[in-house]
Amino acid sequence: MEISEATEALSALGQESRLHVFRLLVPHGSSGMSAGDIALELGVPPNTLSAHLAILSRAGLVTSRKAGRSVIYAIDIEGTRSLLSFLVEDCCRAEKKVCRPLIASALSKCC
């Protein structure tokens, strides 16, 4: 991941409502949630939620798919993995064997 991509992802998560959306989607993994269910759960107006989801999607943190008349949103596993890897790539004095379990542990809780 390039620093510009990481900056965009972190900026997307740096807004309270978007962070709530992301955290709500994490336990749902790839099955995701419909936009309507997200709006109801978080008490966010649909048009506002749509803007937040678009920002998270452009940042590579959320994916969407059609399911009948609904749009289902889920975390983007690869985008999230890339961001986590970027954040810890120089941790532990570059001992990748130490950092890999950290990333794997974080992702195993959601995906």
C-alpha atoms as a PDB file:
ATOM      1  CA  MET A   1       0.000   0.000   0.000  1.00  0.00           C
ATOM      2  CA  GLU A   2       1.264   3.443  -0.886  1.00  0.00           C
ATOM      3  CA  ILE A   3       1.230   6.236   1.679  1.00  0.00           C
ATOM      4  CA  SER A   4      -1.439   8.127  -0.307  1.00  0.00           C
ATOM      5  CA  GLU A   5      -3.752   5.082  -0.131  1.00  0.00           C
ATOM      6  CA  ALA A   6      -3.101   4.693   3.594  1.00  0.00           C
ATOM      7  CA  THR A   7      -3.814   8.386   4.122  1.00  0.00           C
ATOM      8  CA  GLU A   8      -7.129   8.068   2.282  1.00  0.00           C
ATOM      9  CA  ALA A   9      -8.127   4.992   4.302  1.00  0.00           C
ATOM     10  CA  LEU A  10      -7.158   6.580   7.610  1.00  0.00           C
ATOM     11  CA  SER A  11      -8.970   9.790   6.670  1.00  0.00           C
ATOM     12  CA  ALA A  12     -12.083   7.758   5.885  1.00  0.00           C
ATOM     13  CA  LEU A  13     -11.895   6.126   9.313  1.00  0.00           C
ATOM     14  CA  GLY A  14     -11.071   9.433  10.983  1.00  0.00           C
ATOM     15  CA  GLN A  15     -14.723  10.524  10.922  1.00  0.00           C
ATOM     16  CA  GLU A  16     -16.917   9.226  13.755  1.00  0.00           C
ATOM     17  CA  SER A  17     -19.904   8.017  11.705  1.00  0.00           C
ATOM     18  CA  ARG A  18     -17.693   6.230   9.176  1.00  0.00           C
ATOM     19  CA  LEU A  19     -15.734   4.562  11.968  1.00  0.00           C
ATOM     20  CA  HIS A  20     -19.047   3.385  13.470  1.00  0.00           C
ATOM     21  CA  VAL A  21     -20.081   1.969  10.072  1.00  0.00           C
ATOM     22  CA  PHE A  22     -16.770   0.169   9.628  1.00  0.00           C
ATOM     23  CA  ARG A  23     -16.844  -1.282  13.153  1.00  0.00           C
ATOM     24  CA  LEU A  24     -20.462  -2.383  12.676  1.00  0.00           C
ATOM     25  CA  LEU A  25     -19.519  -4.235   9.487  1.00  0.00           C
ATOM     26  CA  VAL A  26     -16.422  -5.953  10.897  1.00  0.00           C
ATOM     27  CA  PRO A  27     -18.227  -8.748  12.786  1.00  0.00           C
ATOM     28  CA  HIS A  28     -20.412  -9.424   9.741  1.00  0.00           C
ATOM     29  CA  GLY A  29     -17.344 -10.223   7.612  1.00  0.00           C
ATOM     30  CA  SER A  30     -18.006 -10.938   3.951  1.00  0.00           C
ATOM     31  CA  SER A  31     -21.744 -11.508   4.493  1.00  0.00           C
ATOM     32  CA  GLY A  32     -22.165  -7.806   5.261  1.00  0.00           C
ATOM     33  CA  MET A  33     -25.333  -5.838   5.943  1.00  0.00           C
ATOM     34  CA  SER A  34     -27.864  -4.021   3.829  1.00  0.00           C
ATOM     35  CA  ALA A  35     -27.616  -0.245   3.675  1.00  0.00           C
ATOM     36  CA  GLY A  36     -31.068  -0.012   5.249  1.00  0.00           C
ATOM     37  CA  ASP A  37     -30.056  -2.180   8.200  1.00  0.00           C
ATOM     38  CA  ILE A  38     -26.887  -0.133   8.718  1.00  0.00           C
ATOM     39  CA  ALA A  39     -28.907   3.095   8.685  1.00  0.00           C
ATOM     40  CA  LEU A  40     -31.402   1.691  11.207  1.00  0.00           C
ATOM     41  CA  GLU A  41     -28.717   0.280  13.496  1.00  0.00           C
ATOM     42  CA  LEU A  42     -26.737   3.520  13.601  1.00  0.00           C
ATOM     43  CA  GLY A  43     -29.638   5.964  13.336  1.00  0.00           C
ATOM     44  CA  VAL A  44     -28.088   7.656  10.310  1.00  0.00           C
ATOM     45  CA  PRO A  45     -30.271   9.160   7.554  1.00  0.00           C
ATOM     46  CA  PRO A  46     -30.007   7.076   4.336  1.00  0.00           C
ATOM     47  CA  ASN A  47     -28.594   9.909   2.210  1.00  0.00           C
ATOM     48  CA  THR A  48     -25.920  10.669   4.808  1.00  0.00           C
ATOM     49  CA  LEU A  49     -25.080   6.976   5.124  1.00  0.00           C
ATOM     50  CA  SER A  50     -24.768   6.703   1.362  1.00  0.00           C
ATOM     51  CA  ALA A  51     -22.108   9.433   1.353  1.00  0.00           C
ATOM     52  CA  HIS A  52     -20.213   7.738   4.193  1.00  0.00           C
ATOM     53  CA  LEU A  53     -20.322   4.356   2.444  1.00  0.00           C
ATOM     54  CA  ALA A  54     -19.045   5.913  -0.789  1.00  0.00           C
ATOM     55  CA  ILE A  55     -16.057   7.387   1.051  1.00  0.00           C
ATOM     56  CA  LEU A  56     -15.275   4.064   2.744  1.00  0.00           C
ATOM     57  CA  SER A  57     -15.605   2.300  -0.595  1.00  0.00           C
ATOM     58  CA  ARG A  58     -13.259   4.717  -2.385  1.00  0.00           C
ATOM     59  CA  ALA A  59     -10.773   4.199   0.453  1.00  0.00           C
ATOM     60  CA  GLY A  60     -10.806   0.440  -0.222  1.00  0.00           C
ATOM     61  CA  LEU A  61     -12.308  -0.471   3.148  1.00  0.00           C
ATOM     62  CA  VAL A  62     -15.848  -1.443   2.108  1.00  0.00           C
ATOM     63  CA  THR A  63     -17.320  -3.369  -0.811  1.00  0.00           C
ATOM     64  CA  SER A  64     -20.879  -3.467  -2.080  1.00  0.00           C
ATOM     65  CA  ARG A  65     -23.024  -5.892  -4.026  1.00  0.00           C
ATOM     66  CA  LYS A  66     -26.616  -5.978  -5.186  1.00  0.00           C
ATOM     67  CA  ALA A  67     -28.979  -8.476  -3.576  1.00  0.00           C
ATOM     68  CA  GLY A  68     -32.388  -8.034  -5.119  1.00  0.00           C
ATOM     69  CA  ARG A  69     -33.472  -4.487  -4.374  1.00  0.00           C
ATOM     70  CA  SER A  70     -30.940  -4.057  -1.572  1.00  0.00           C
ATOM     71  CA  VAL A  71     -27.290  -3.129  -1.610  1.00  0.00           C
ATOM     72  CA  ILE A  72     -25.188  -5.190   0.783  1.00  0.00           C
ATOM     73  CA  TYR A  73     -22.053  -3.615   2.239  1.00  0.00           C
ATOM     74  CA  ALA A  74     -19.185  -5.580   3.761  1.00  0.00           C
ATOM     75  CA  ILE A  75     -15.657  -4.794   4.790  1.00  0.00           C
ATOM     76  CA  ASP A  76     -13.119  -5.144   2.018  1.00  0.00           C
ATOM     77  CA  ILE A  77     -10.921  -7.846   3.462  1.00  0.00           C
ATOM     78  CA  GLU A  78      -7.954  -7.175   1.181  1.00  0.00           C
ATOM     79  CA  GLY A  79      -8.166  -3.409   1.675  1.00  0.00           C
ATOM     80  CA  THR A  80      -8.329  -3.828   5.430  1.00  0.00           C
ATOM     81  CA  ARG A  81      -5.446  -6.304   5.375  1.00  0.00           C
ATOM     82  CA  SER A  82      -3.379  -3.885   3.295  1.00  0.00           C
ATOM     83  CA  LEU A  83      -4.020  -1.029   5.705  1.00  0.00           C
ATOM     84  CA  LEU A  84      -3.159  -3.132   8.747  1.00  0.00           C
ATOM     85  CA  SER A  85      -0.010  -4.406   7.039  1.00  0.00           C
ATOM     86  CA  PHE A  86       1.013  -0.864   6.123  1.00  0.00           C
ATOM     87  CA  LEU A  87       0.522   0.309   9.712  1.00  0.00           C
ATOM     88  CA  VAL A  88       2.662  -2.430  11.245  1.00  0.00           C
ATOM     89  CA  GLU A  89       5.116  -3.203   8.471  1.00  0.00           C
ATOM     90  CA  ASP A  90       8.001  -1.674  10.389  1.00  0.00           C
ATOM     91  CA  CYS A  91       6.962  -2.885  13.808  1.00  0.00           C
ATOM     92  CA  CYS A  92       9.036  -5.094  16.021  1.00  0.00           C
ATOM     93  CA  ARG A  93      12.227  -4.032  14.299  1.00  0.00           C
ATOM     94  CA  ALA A  94      10.979  -5.463  11.026  1.00  0.00           C
ATOM     95  CA  GLU A  95      10.651  -8.972  12.432  1.00  0.00           C
ATOM     96  CA  LYS A  96       7.838 -10.093  10.152  1.00  0.00           C
ATOM     97  CA  LYS A  97       7.284 -13.256  12.162  1.00  0.00           C
ATOM     98  CA  VAL A  98       6.132 -11.022  15.028  1.00  0.00           C
ATOM     99  CA  CYS A  99       3.910  -8.746  12.946  1.00  0.00           C
ATOM    100  CA  ARG A 100       2.190 -11.375  10.797  1.00  0.00           C
ATOM    101  CA  PRO A 101       0.368 -12.958  13.758  1.00  0.00           C
ATOM    102  CA  LEU A 102      -0.795  -9.500  14.834  1.00  0.00           C
ATOM    103  CA  ILE A 103      -2.378  -8.876  11.428  1.00  0.00           C
ATOM    104  CA  ALA A 104      -3.758 -12.416  11.213  1.00  0.00           C
ATOM    105  CA  SER A 105      -5.285 -12.093  14.665  1.00  0.00           C
ATOM    106  CA  ALA A 106      -6.985  -8.813  13.816  1.00  0.00           C
ATOM    107  CA  LEU A 107      -8.403 -10.194  10.585  1.00  0.00           C
ATOM    108  CA  SER A 108      -9.494 -13.504  12.101  1.00  0.00           C
ATOM    109  CA  LYS A 109     -11.859 -11.622  14.369  1.00  0.00           C
ATOM    110  CA  CYS A 110     -13.709 -10.158  11.433  1.00  0.00           C
ATOM    111  CA  CYS A 111     -13.255 -12.320   8.423  1.00  0.00           C
END
